[in-house]
C-alpha cells in the first residue's frame, strides 16, 4: 500500500539514478583489467563491499522516492525495484565483466530508477579498466538516453532541463574521473616498468664495468709478469741444460733470476695494492711511458737478448701518457714473445711518429736457427695487445713473415 505523504526535495534529488558519491571515485583496483578471475585481496573486498553498499543506499533512496511519485504505476515501481536489486547484486561482478555489465545497464537504466547507483559504479569501472573507445560508445549512448528517460519519467523536484543538465554533467564527471584514474594507474605502471628497466640496465652496466676492469687487470698482470717470468724461465732453463757452464755465466744468470723475481714480486704487490685500495690504474709507482723504452731494451740486453732500437720520435716525453704506456706494453710483450719463441735472434724495435700522424711501433724478429725448445703459451698476450691498441683508438697487426720471422706492428693515435 502506497504512502501519500509528500517527499522532501532532498530525497528526490538523492534518489535520482544519476547521483554518484565522491568516495567511489577514489577506487583503485589494479587487478580488475586482467583476463580470468583475479585473486582479490583484503583491500579489494573492502572496495567491492563499499561499492555495493553505496549502490544499495542510492537504490533505497530512489525506491523511497518511488513511493511518493504518483505518476509511476505500482507495477512499474515493482519492476523498477526488482531490476535495481539485481543491478546492485551485479556490482560484485564488475571486475570480471566491466564491458558486459555496462552494456546490460543501458536498458536496465531506462526501466529502473533504483539501478542508478549501480549504473554509476559500472560506468566508472568501465572507464578505469577499458580503453577509451568502449567508454566513448557506452558513455555516448547513456548520455543520449538521458533526455528520453526524464521525458518519460520526470523528476518531481526538478524541471526537465535542470534534471537533464545535472544528469549529463554528473555522467561526464564520472567518466572523466574514471579516465583520470586509469591514466594515473597507467603512469604508475610505466614508472615501475622504467624503474625496473633502469635497475636492470644499471646492473648490466655494473657487470660490464666489472668485466672490463677484470680484463684490464688481466692484461696488466700478463704484460707485467710475463716479461719477468720469461726471463726467469729462460735463465733457469740455461742453468738446467748447461750444468757445467763457467762460474761467471752461472753467477750472471742467477743474478738475472734474482732481479727478475724481485721485480715480478714488486709488480704483483703493486697490482694487488691497487685492487685493495680501489685506486685508479696509475696509482702506486709511476706507469711506464715511451721514455722508459730505452730502459726496457737495456734490461733485455743484460738478459742476453740481441735488441736493436730505432727510435725516430724527437721528444718521447711529448707523447700522451696513455699512448706511451700502450706503446711500451706492446714492445714489452713483443720482446717477451721473441725471447720465448726465437731465442738467440736479433730483434729490431722501431718507433716512429709525429703529432697528428700517429705513433707506429714495429717489432720484428727473424726465424730462429736450429730447434727451439717448446715454451707454453696461450696467445693471450697478443689478444691483450690488440685490445690495448683498440681501446686507445689504434690498431695492431701481427703475423709470420715470408722468411719465417714474426712481426708485430701497431699504430696508435697521437695528436
Protein backbone atom coordinates (compact mmCIF):
# COMPACT_ATOMS: atom_id res chain seq x y z
CA UNK A 1 0.00 0.00 0.00
CA UNK A 2 1.49 3.35 -1.06
CA UNK A 3 2.07 6.28 1.29
CA UNK A 4 0.61 9.59 0.03
CA UNK A 5 2.79 11.85 2.20
CA UNK A 6 4.82 14.37 0.20
CA UNK A 7 8.53 13.51 -0.19
CA UNK A 8 11.20 16.01 0.78
CA UNK A 9 13.02 17.72 -2.07
CA UNK A 10 16.39 16.35 -0.95
CA UNK A 11 15.10 12.77 -1.15
CA UNK A 12 14.02 13.23 -4.75
CA UNK A 13 17.43 14.60 -5.73
CA UNK A 14 19.35 11.85 -3.93
CA UNK A 15 17.10 9.18 -5.38
CA UNK A 16 17.80 10.09 -8.98
CA UNK A 17 19.81 7.42 -10.82
CA UNK A 18 22.50 9.91 -11.85
CA UNK A 19 23.76 10.71 -8.36
CA UNK A 20 27.22 9.26 -7.68
CA UNK A 21 29.06 9.54 -4.34
CA UNK A 22 32.56 11.06 -4.49
CA UNK A 23 34.05 8.35 -2.26
CA UNK A 24 33.63 5.79 -5.04
CA UNK A 25 35.70 7.90 -7.42
CA UNK A 26 38.85 7.18 -5.41
CA UNK A 27 38.70 3.45 -6.03
CA UNK A 28 41.96 1.83 -7.02
CA UNK A 29 41.83 -1.75 -8.30
CA UNK A 30 44.90 -2.85 -10.26
CA UNK A 31 43.62 -6.42 -10.83
CA UNK A 32 40.32 -5.56 -12.48
CA UNK A 33 41.60 -5.43 -16.05
CA UNK A 34 43.05 -8.94 -16.09
CA UNK A 35 41.53 -11.80 -18.01
CA UNK A 36 40.03 -14.61 -15.93
CA UNK A 37 39.09 -14.42 -12.30
CA UNK A 38 41.60 -12.31 -10.37
CA UNK A 39 42.54 -13.15 -6.84
CA UNK A 40 41.02 -10.49 -4.63
CA UNK A 41 42.96 -9.02 -1.76
CA UNK A 42 41.50 -7.76 1.51
CA UNK A 43 41.54 -4.25 0.10
CA UNK A 44 39.63 -5.42 -3.00
CA UNK A 45 36.93 -6.94 -0.81
CA UNK A 46 36.63 -3.72 1.18
CA UNK A 47 36.33 -1.64 -2.01
CA UNK A 48 33.77 -4.01 -3.56
CA UNK A 49 31.70 -4.11 -0.38
CA UNK A 50 31.78 -0.30 -0.19
CA UNK A 51 30.63 -0.03 -3.81
CA UNK A 52 27.82 -2.47 -3.13
CA UNK A 53 26.66 -0.55 -0.06
CA UNK A 54 26.71 2.76 -1.98
CA UNK A 55 24.71 1.27 -4.84
CA UNK A 56 22.20 -0.15 -2.36
CA UNK A 57 21.95 3.17 -0.47
CA UNK A 58 21.23 5.10 -3.68
CA UNK A 59 18.76 2.40 -4.74
CA UNK A 60 16.90 2.63 -1.42
CA UNK A 61 16.72 6.41 -1.71
CA UNK A 62 15.31 6.05 -5.22
CA UNK A 63 12.84 3.40 -4.01
CA UNK A 64 11.62 5.79 -1.31
CA UNK A 65 11.11 8.41 -3.99
CA UNK A 66 9.01 5.95 -5.99
CA UNK A 67 6.60 5.55 -3.06
CA UNK A 68 5.81 9.29 -3.23
CA UNK A 69 5.70 9.53 -7.03
CA UNK A 70 2.03 9.49 -8.07
CA UNK A 71 2.97 9.39 -11.77
CA UNK A 72 4.60 5.94 -11.59
CA UNK A 73 2.26 2.91 -11.72
CA UNK A 74 2.58 0.35 -8.97
CA UNK A 75 3.56 -2.46 -11.36
CA UNK A 76 6.32 -0.33 -12.87
CA UNK A 77 7.56 0.54 -9.37
CA UNK A 78 7.78 -3.17 -8.51
CA UNK A 79 9.72 -3.91 -11.71
CA UNK A 80 11.92 -0.88 -11.03
CA UNK A 81 12.90 -2.11 -7.58
CA UNK A 82 13.42 -5.69 -8.75
CA UNK A 83 15.78 -4.56 -11.51
CA UNK A 84 17.53 -2.25 -9.03
CA UNK A 85 18.16 -5.15 -6.65
CA UNK A 86 19.58 -7.27 -9.48
CA UNK A 87 21.78 -4.37 -10.63
CA UNK A 88 23.16 -3.90 -7.11
CA UNK A 89 23.95 -7.61 -6.90
CA UNK A 90 25.68 -7.42 -10.29
CA UNK A 91 28.14 -4.87 -8.86
CA UNK A 92 30.09 -7.81 -7.43
CA UNK A 93 30.88 -8.96 -10.99
CA UNK A 94 32.08 -5.56 -12.24
CA UNK A 95 35.75 -6.59 -12.08
CA UNK A 96 35.26 -9.65 -14.26
CA UNK A 97 32.82 -8.26 -16.86
CA UNK A 98 33.07 -4.44 -16.87
CA UNK A 99 32.08 -4.08 -20.55
CA UNK A 100 29.27 -6.63 -20.44
CA UNK A 101 27.72 -5.07 -17.33
CA UNK A 102 27.98 -1.60 -18.83
CA UNK A 103 26.10 -2.74 -21.94
CA UNK A 104 23.47 -4.52 -19.84
CA UNK A 105 22.95 -1.45 -17.64
CA UNK A 106 21.80 0.68 -20.60
CA UNK A 107 18.34 -0.97 -20.97
CA UNK A 108 18.15 -1.57 -17.22
CA UNK A 109 18.74 2.13 -16.58
CA UNK A 110 15.80 3.05 -18.86
CA UNK A 111 13.41 0.90 -16.82
CA UNK A 112 14.80 1.19 -13.29
CA UNK A 113 15.35 4.35 -11.32
CA UNK A 114 16.73 2.37 -8.37
CA UNK A 115 19.56 0.97 -10.56
CA UNK A 116 21.14 4.42 -10.90
CA UNK A 117 23.82 3.88 -8.24
CA UNK A 118 24.82 0.52 -9.71
CA UNK A 119 24.91 2.10 -13.17
CA UNK A 120 27.33 4.77 -12.00
CA UNK A 121 29.58 2.16 -10.36
CA UNK A 122 29.64 0.11 -13.57
CA UNK A 123 30.35 3.02 -15.92
CA UNK A 124 33.13 4.25 -13.63
CA UNK A 125 34.63 0.75 -13.61
CA UNK A 126 34.43 0.66 -17.40
CA UNK A 127 36.28 3.99 -17.68
CA UNK A 128 39.02 2.74 -15.36
CA UNK A 129 39.61 -0.69 -16.87
CA UNK A 130 38.80 -0.44 -20.58
CA UNK A 131 40.16 1.67 -23.49
CA UNK A 132 38.55 4.95 -24.40
CA UNK A 133 36.71 3.59 -27.47
CA UNK A 134 34.47 1.44 -25.25
CA UNK A 135 33.92 4.28 -22.80
CA UNK A 136 33.04 6.64 -25.65
CA UNK A 137 30.37 4.31 -27.07
CA UNK A 138 28.79 3.35 -23.74
CA UNK A 139 29.03 6.87 -22.33
CA UNK A 140 27.64 8.42 -25.53
CA UNK A 141 24.64 6.10 -25.56
CA UNK A 142 23.99 6.71 -21.85
CA UNK A 143 24.10 10.49 -22.30
CA UNK A 144 21.87 10.30 -25.35
CA UNK A 145 19.24 8.34 -23.38
CA UNK A 146 19.07 10.83 -20.51
CA UNK A 147 16.51 13.21 -22.15
CA UNK A 148 14.08 10.36 -23.12
CA UNK A 149 14.34 8.95 -19.61
CA UNK A 150 13.34 12.22 -17.91
CA UNK A 151 10.70 12.83 -20.58
CA UNK A 152 9.01 9.53 -19.75
CA UNK A 153 9.69 9.70 -16.01
CA UNK A 154 10.00 13.34 -14.97
CA UNK A 155 11.69 14.27 -11.72
CA UNK A 156 9.10 15.57 -9.23
CA UNK A 157 11.62 18.00 -7.68
CA UNK A 158 13.45 19.36 -10.76
CA UNK A 159 12.41 20.81 -14.07
CA UNK A 160 13.15 18.83 -17.21
CA UNK A 161 16.06 20.99 -18.41
CA UNK A 162 17.65 21.11 -14.97
CA UNK A 163 17.35 17.36 -14.42
CA UNK A 164 18.82 16.59 -17.86
CA UNK A 165 21.71 19.02 -17.41
CA UNK A 166 22.52 17.72 -13.93
CA UNK A 167 22.42 14.07 -15.04
CA UNK A 168 24.58 14.64 -18.10
CA UNK A 169 27.12 16.71 -16.17
CA UNK A 170 27.35 14.04 -13.47
CA UNK A 171 27.77 11.27 -16.07
CA UNK A 172 30.57 13.19 -17.80
CA UNK A 173 32.21 13.81 -14.42
CA UNK A 174 32.11 10.11 -13.55
CA UNK A 175 33.57 9.15 -16.95
CA UNK A 176 36.26 11.82 -16.74
CA UNK A 177 37.24 10.82 -13.24
CA UNK A 178 37.42 7.17 -14.26
CA UNK A 179 39.68 8.03 -17.18
CA UNK A 180 41.85 10.10 -14.84
CA UNK A 181 42.22 7.12 -12.51
CA UNK A 182 43.08 4.91 -15.50
CA UNK A 183 45.73 7.38 -16.71
CA UNK A 184 47.21 7.64 -13.24
CA UNK A 185 47.34 3.87 -12.95
CA UNK A 186 48.99 3.53 -16.34
CA UNK A 187 51.51 6.19 -15.35
CA UNK A 188 52.38 4.27 -12.21
CA UNK A 189 52.78 1.06 -14.20
CA UNK A 190 55.00 2.90 -16.69
CA UNK A 191 57.12 4.38 -13.89
CA UNK A 192 57.51 0.98 -12.27
CA UNK A 193 58.49 -0.50 -15.63
CA UNK A 194 61.02 2.28 -16.19
CA UNK A 195 62.41 1.77 -12.71
CA UNK A 196 62.81 -1.96 -13.38
CA UNK A 197 64.46 -1.25 -16.73
CA UNK A 198 66.76 1.33 -15.15
CA UNK A 199 67.70 -1.12 -12.42
CA UNK A 200 68.38 -3.85 -14.98
CA UNK A 201 70.44 -1.50 -17.16
CA UNK A 202 72.40 -0.31 -14.13
CA UNK A 203 73.11 -3.91 -13.19
CA UNK A 204 74.23 -4.67 -16.75
CA UNK A 205 76.45 -1.58 -16.78
CA UNK A 206 77.96 -2.62 -13.45
CA UNK A 207 78.60 -6.13 -14.73
CA UNK A 208 80.15 -4.74 -17.90
CA UNK A 209 82.33 -2.37 -15.88
CA UNK A 210 83.45 -5.27 -13.72
CA UNK A 211 84.21 -7.36 -16.78
CA UNK A 212 86.21 -4.54 -18.38
CA UNK A 213 88.06 -3.98 -15.11
CA UNK A 214 88.90 -7.68 -14.88
CA UNK A 215 90.11 -7.67 -18.48
CA UNK A 216 92.24 -4.59 -17.83
CA UNK A 217 93.73 -6.17 -14.72
CA UNK A 218 94.38 -9.41 -16.61
CA UNK A 219 96.13 -7.51 -19.41
CA UNK A 220 98.22 -5.54 -16.95
CA UNK A 221 99.25 -8.59 -14.95
CA UNK A 222 100.06 -10.54 -18.11
CA UNK A 223 102.12 -7.75 -19.66
CA UNK A 224 103.97 -7.00 -16.44
CA UNK A 225 104.57 -10.51 -15.12
CA UNK A 226 105.08 -12.35 -18.42
CA UNK A 227 108.19 -10.30 -19.15
CA UNK A 228 109.72 -11.03 -15.75
CA UNK A 229 108.74 -14.69 -15.64
CA UNK A 230 110.07 -15.29 -19.14
CA UNK A 231 113.47 -14.09 -18.01
CA UNK A 232 113.25 -16.49 -15.09
CA UNK A 233 112.28 -19.37 -17.38
CA UNK A 234 114.99 -18.70 -19.96
CA UNK A 235 117.85 -18.39 -17.49
CA UNK A 236 116.64 -21.24 -15.32
CA UNK A 237 116.48 -23.40 -18.44
CA UNK A 238 120.01 -22.38 -19.38
CA UNK A 239 121.29 -23.42 -15.97
CA UNK A 240 119.41 -26.73 -16.22
CA UNK A 241 120.74 -27.68 -19.64
CA UNK A 242 124.29 -26.36 -19.04
CA UNK A 243 125.29 -27.53 -15.58
CA UNK A 244 128.97 -27.20 -16.48
CA UNK A 245 128.81 -23.54 -17.59
CA UNK A 246 131.54 -21.16 -16.42
CA UNK A 247 131.13 -19.75 -12.95
CA UNK A 248 130.79 -16.19 -14.24
CA UNK A 249 127.93 -17.14 -16.58
CA UNK A 250 126.15 -19.05 -13.80
CA UNK A 251 126.51 -16.09 -11.47
CA UNK A 252 125.19 -13.69 -14.11
CA UNK A 253 122.19 -15.96 -14.81
CA UNK A 254 121.48 -16.30 -11.10
CA UNK A 255 121.62 -12.52 -10.73
CA UNK A 256 119.15 -12.05 -13.57
CA UNK A 257 116.85 -14.65 -11.98
CA UNK A 258 117.04 -12.96 -8.60
CA UNK A 259 116.44 -9.49 -10.04
CA UNK A 260 113.56 -10.66 -12.25
CA UNK A 261 111.92 -12.48 -9.33
CA UNK A 262 112.27 -9.38 -7.17
CA UNK A 263 110.76 -7.15 -9.87
CA UNK A 264 107.94 -9.63 -10.52
CA UNK A 265 107.04 -9.73 -6.82
CA UNK A 266 107.18 -5.94 -6.62
CA UNK A 267 104.89 -5.56 -9.64
CA UNK A 268 102.49 -8.15 -8.22
CA UNK A 269 102.37 -6.33 -4.86
CA UNK A 270 101.57 -3.05 -6.61
CA UNK A 271 98.73 -4.57 -8.64
CA UNK A 272 97.25 -6.23 -5.54
CA UNK A 273 97.61 -2.96 -3.63
CA UNK A 274 95.71 -1.12 -6.34
CA UNK A 275 92.93 -3.73 -6.21
CA UNK A 276 92.64 -3.48 -2.44
CA UNK A 277 92.67 0.31 -2.34
CA UNK A 278 90.34 0.72 -5.30
CA UNK A 279 92.66 3.32 -6.77
CA UNK A 280 92.95 4.17 -10.46
CA UNK A 281 95.31 2.35 -12.80
CA UNK A 282 98.04 4.94 -12.47
CA UNK A 283 98.29 4.60 -8.67
CA UNK A 284 101.45 3.46 -6.94
CA UNK A 285 104.73 3.52 -8.83
CA UNK A 286 104.67 5.68 -11.99
CA UNK A 287 103.46 3.73 -15.01
CA UNK A 288 105.92 3.25 -17.87
CA UNK A 289 105.77 5.62 -20.83
CA UNK A 290 107.54 5.76 -24.16
CA UNK A 291 110.56 7.36 -22.47
CA UNK A 292 111.05 4.12 -20.50
CA UNK A 293 111.54 2.10 -23.68
CA UNK A 294 115.33 2.58 -23.55
CA UNK A 295 115.41 1.03 -20.09
CA UNK A 296 113.36 -1.96 -21.31
CA UNK A 297 115.76 -2.56 -24.19
CA UNK A 298 118.77 -2.26 -21.86
CA UNK A 299 117.20 -4.79 -19.47
CA UNK A 300 116.66 -7.24 -22.33
CA UNK A 301 120.27 -6.80 -23.48
CA UNK A 302 121.52 -7.52 -19.96
CA UNK A 303 119.47 -10.71 -20.04
CA UNK A 304 121.36 -11.83 -23.16
CA UNK A 305 118.99 -10.72 -25.92
CA UNK A 306 120.16 -9.02 -29.09
CA UNK A 307 117.92 -5.96 -29.48
CA UNK A 308 118.28 -3.04 -31.87
CA UNK A 309 116.24 0.06 -31.04
CA UNK A 310 115.49 2.62 -33.75
CA UNK A 311 113.50 5.49 -32.25
CA UNK A 312 112.62 8.36 -34.56
CA UNK A 313 110.47 10.27 -32.08
CA UNK A 314 112.14 13.60 -31.38
CA UNK A 315 110.56 14.10 -27.95
CA UNK A 316 109.22 10.90 -26.31
CA UNK A 317 108.02 12.93 -23.32
CA UNK A 318 105.56 14.76 -25.61
CA UNK A 319 103.70 11.54 -26.36
CA UNK A 320 100.46 11.29 -24.28
CA UNK A 321 100.90 9.04 -21.26
CA UNK A 322 98.18 6.58 -22.29
CA UNK A 323 99.60 6.21 -25.80
CA UNK A 324 103.17 5.95 -24.50
CA UNK A 325 102.18 3.32 -21.94
CA UNK A 326 100.40 1.28 -24.61
CA UNK A 327 103.44 1.52 -26.91
CA UNK A 328 105.70 0.39 -24.07
CA UNK A 329 103.47 -2.62 -23.28
CA UNK A 330 103.34 -3.61 -26.96
CA UNK A 331 107.12 -3.54 -27.24
CA UNK A 332 107.47 -5.38 -23.93
CA UNK A 333 105.14 -8.20 -24.96
CA UNK A 334 106.71 -8.48 -28.42
CA UNK A 335 110.19 -8.77 -26.87
CA UNK A 336 108.90 -11.38 -24.42
CA UNK A 337 107.45 -13.46 -27.27
CA UNK A 338 110.68 -13.15 -29.24
CA UNK A 339 112.69 -14.30 -26.22
CA UNK A 340 110.43 -17.35 -25.81
CA UNK A 341 109.89 -18.42 -29.42
CA UNK A 342 113.03 -17.12 -31.20
CA UNK A 343 115.90 -17.19 -28.71
CA UNK A 344 119.26 -16.03 -29.99
CA UNK A 345 117.85 -13.93 -32.83
CA UNK A 346 118.34 -10.20 -33.20
CA UNK A 347 115.10 -8.33 -32.54
CA UNK A 348 114.52 -4.95 -34.15
CA UNK A 349 112.31 -2.40 -32.38
CA UNK A 350 111.31 0.63 -34.45
CA UNK A 351 109.30 3.56 -33.09
CA UNK A 352 108.28 6.43 -35.39
CA UNK A 353 105.64 9.11 -35.36
CA UNK A 354 104.71 12.75 -35.14
CA UNK A 355 101.75 14.61 -33.65
CA UNK A 356 98.79 14.40 -35.99
CA UNK A 357 100.08 11.35 -37.89
CA UNK A 358 100.17 8.89 -35.02
CA UNK A 359 102.75 6.66 -33.38
CA UNK A 360 103.94 3.44 -35.04
CA UNK A 361 105.58 0.64 -33.04
CA UNK A 362 107.19 -2.10 -35.16
CA UNK A 363 108.87 -5.14 -33.57
CA UNK A 364 110.35 -7.83 -35.80
CA UNK A 365 112.49 -10.91 -35.29
CA UNK A 366 113.88 -13.32 -37.92
CA UNK A 367 113.35 -17.05 -37.89
CA UNK A 368 115.31 -18.83 -35.14
CA UNK A 369 118.25 -21.03 -36.04
CA UNK A 370 118.00 -24.66 -35.07
CA UNK A 371 115.44 -26.26 -32.83
CA UNK A 372 113.56 -24.08 -30.40
CA UNK A 373 112.52 -25.58 -27.08
CA UNK A 374 108.78 -25.82 -26.61
CA UNK A 375 107.54 -22.94 -24.50
CA UNK A 376 103.94 -22.96 -23.26
CA UNK A 377 101.79 -20.09 -24.49
CA UNK A 378 98.11 -19.39 -24.93
CA UNK A 379 98.22 -16.37 -27.23
CA UNK A 380 96.56 -14.21 -24.59
CA UNK A 381 99.39 -11.69 -24.80
CA UNK A 382 98.69 -10.80 -28.44
CA UNK A 383 94.97 -10.70 -27.71
CA UNK A 384 95.62 -8.30 -24.86
CA UNK A 385 97.83 -6.13 -27.07
CA UNK A 386 95.08 -5.93 -29.69
CA UNK A 387 92.60 -4.87 -27.01
CA UNK A 388 95.01 -2.27 -25.66
CA UNK A 389 95.53 -0.76 -29.11
CA UNK A 390 91.79 -0.75 -29.82
CA UNK A 391 90.96 0.94 -26.51
CA UNK A 392 93.31 3.81 -27.34
CA UNK A 393 91.74 4.20 -30.79
CA UNK A 394 94.53 2.47 -32.69
CA UNK A 395 95.06 -0.89 -34.37
CA UNK A 396 97.51 -3.76 -34.16
CA UNK A 397 98.65 -6.33 -36.71
CA UNK A 398 100.78 -9.40 -36.12
CA UNK A 399 101.78 -12.49 -38.01
CA UNK A 400 104.56 -14.58 -39.55
CA UNK A 401 106.84 -13.13 -42.19
CA UNK A 402 107.66 -14.89 -45.51
CA UNK A 403 111.19 -15.66 -44.26
CA UNK A 404 109.86 -17.39 -41.14
CA UNK A 405 110.20 -14.45 -38.82
CA UNK A 406 107.48 -12.75 -36.81
CA UNK A 407 106.33 -9.16 -36.81
CA UNK A 408 104.13 -7.05 -34.55
CA UNK A 409 103.09 -3.64 -35.86
CA UNK A 410 100.80 -1.16 -34.10
CA UNK A 411 99.50 2.27 -34.96
CA UNK A 412 98.36 4.49 -32.12
CA UNK A 413 96.74 7.94 -32.36
CA UNK A 414 98.84 10.95 -31.35
CA UNK A 415 97.59 14.50 -31.51
